[in-house]
Amino acid sequence: MVREVFATCLRKEGYEVREAMTGLQGLELARKHLPSLVLLDVRLPDGSGIDICKQIKGDPALADVFVALCSGEATGEEHKIGGLQIGADEYLVKPFGMEELLARVRTLLRLRDTTAALRASEEHYRRLVDILPDAICLISPQGRLVSVNSQAVAMLGYDTAELLNKNIFDLIAADESMQADILVLKNRIIRDVECTLLKKNGESLQIELSATVASGKDGQNAGLVCVARDITKRKEAEKILRDSEERFRQLADNIREVFWMTDVSKSEMIYVSPAYEEIWGLIPLF
C-alpha cells in the first residue's frame, strides 16, 4: 500500500516509476532499466534492503544509480549510519509526508545528475589523456605521483600501482640540475626542458618536460601537471646527423679538389671547400 501511494505521488509529478514487490525483483528492474533513483525499503519480503543496496552499489553498470533507503522500523542512529556507510545516498525515516518525499527526490536527482555528469567528464578526460602519445602525470606538492596515464606506465616500465608509489625524485637522474627546481617553477610553468629519467630496469630515458602548477582551493598549489615526451630516438638521430656532418667536414677539409654547394635556384653559394683558397689564393665571399 505504501509503495503504491509513493508511486502514484511520483507519477503525478511527471516521474516515470517502476514498482517491485521484492528486493530481487527490484534489483532485476534496476539492471534492466538503469533508473536515476531507487527508493528501497530496508525490510523486504525476501530479505534485507541493505543487501540489495550493496549489490547495486557494487555493480559498475549501475554506477549512476542513486539509492535512498527507507524504513519505519530501523530508525536508530546506528541504522542510518550503517545504511550510509554501505553506500546509500540517503536514509529516509518513515513516516514522512508527500511534500517531503518529493523534495528529497528532487534534491537526490539534482545531485545524481551532477555526479553522473562529473563521472562522464572524468571518463572523457581519462580517455583523452590515455590516447595522447606523451606521458602525463599529476604530482603532489610533496613530489609524489598522484595520477599517471598509460603512456607514462609504458614509457617507464612500471605498472600503475608501482608508479603511484614513486616520488618524482626517484625517477629523475641524480645528476640532473632540475632536481632542485622541479617543484619551484618560475612563472608557474616550464616548457621543453630536457632531462633524464630512470626506467624501472635502470636504463636512462631522455625526455622533454613541460610542467605547470595546478591550483587547488583558494588558489593554493595543488601540485604539478607534467607532460613528458620521449626524445631518445630524436637524440639518437641528432647524434647520427652530427657524426655524419663531422665525417663530411673532415672529407671536405682534406680533399684537394674544389667543390661547392648552392641553393636549389643556384643563386646563392652555401659552401665552398677549403681547396678553393689553396688553388686561387682567395677567400670565398658569400
Foldseek 3Di string as FASTA:
>chain_A
DVQVVLVVLVVVVPDDDDDDQFLVRVLVCCLVPLDQEAEFEQDHPVHGSLVSQLVLCVDPSNVLYAYEYEYQPQPDPVSQVVSVVSPHPYYYHDDDDSVVVVVVVVVSSVVSVVVVVVVVVVVVVLVVQQPDQWKKFWAFLVQATDDIHPNVCVVQVHPGVVRNRDGVVQFFDPPDPCPVVPNPDDVQKDFQDWGWTAHPVRDIFIWGKIKGFDADPPRDGGTIIMIIDGCPVVVVVVVVVVVVVVVVLVVLAPDLDWDFDAPPVNPGTDDIGPNVCVVVVDDDDD
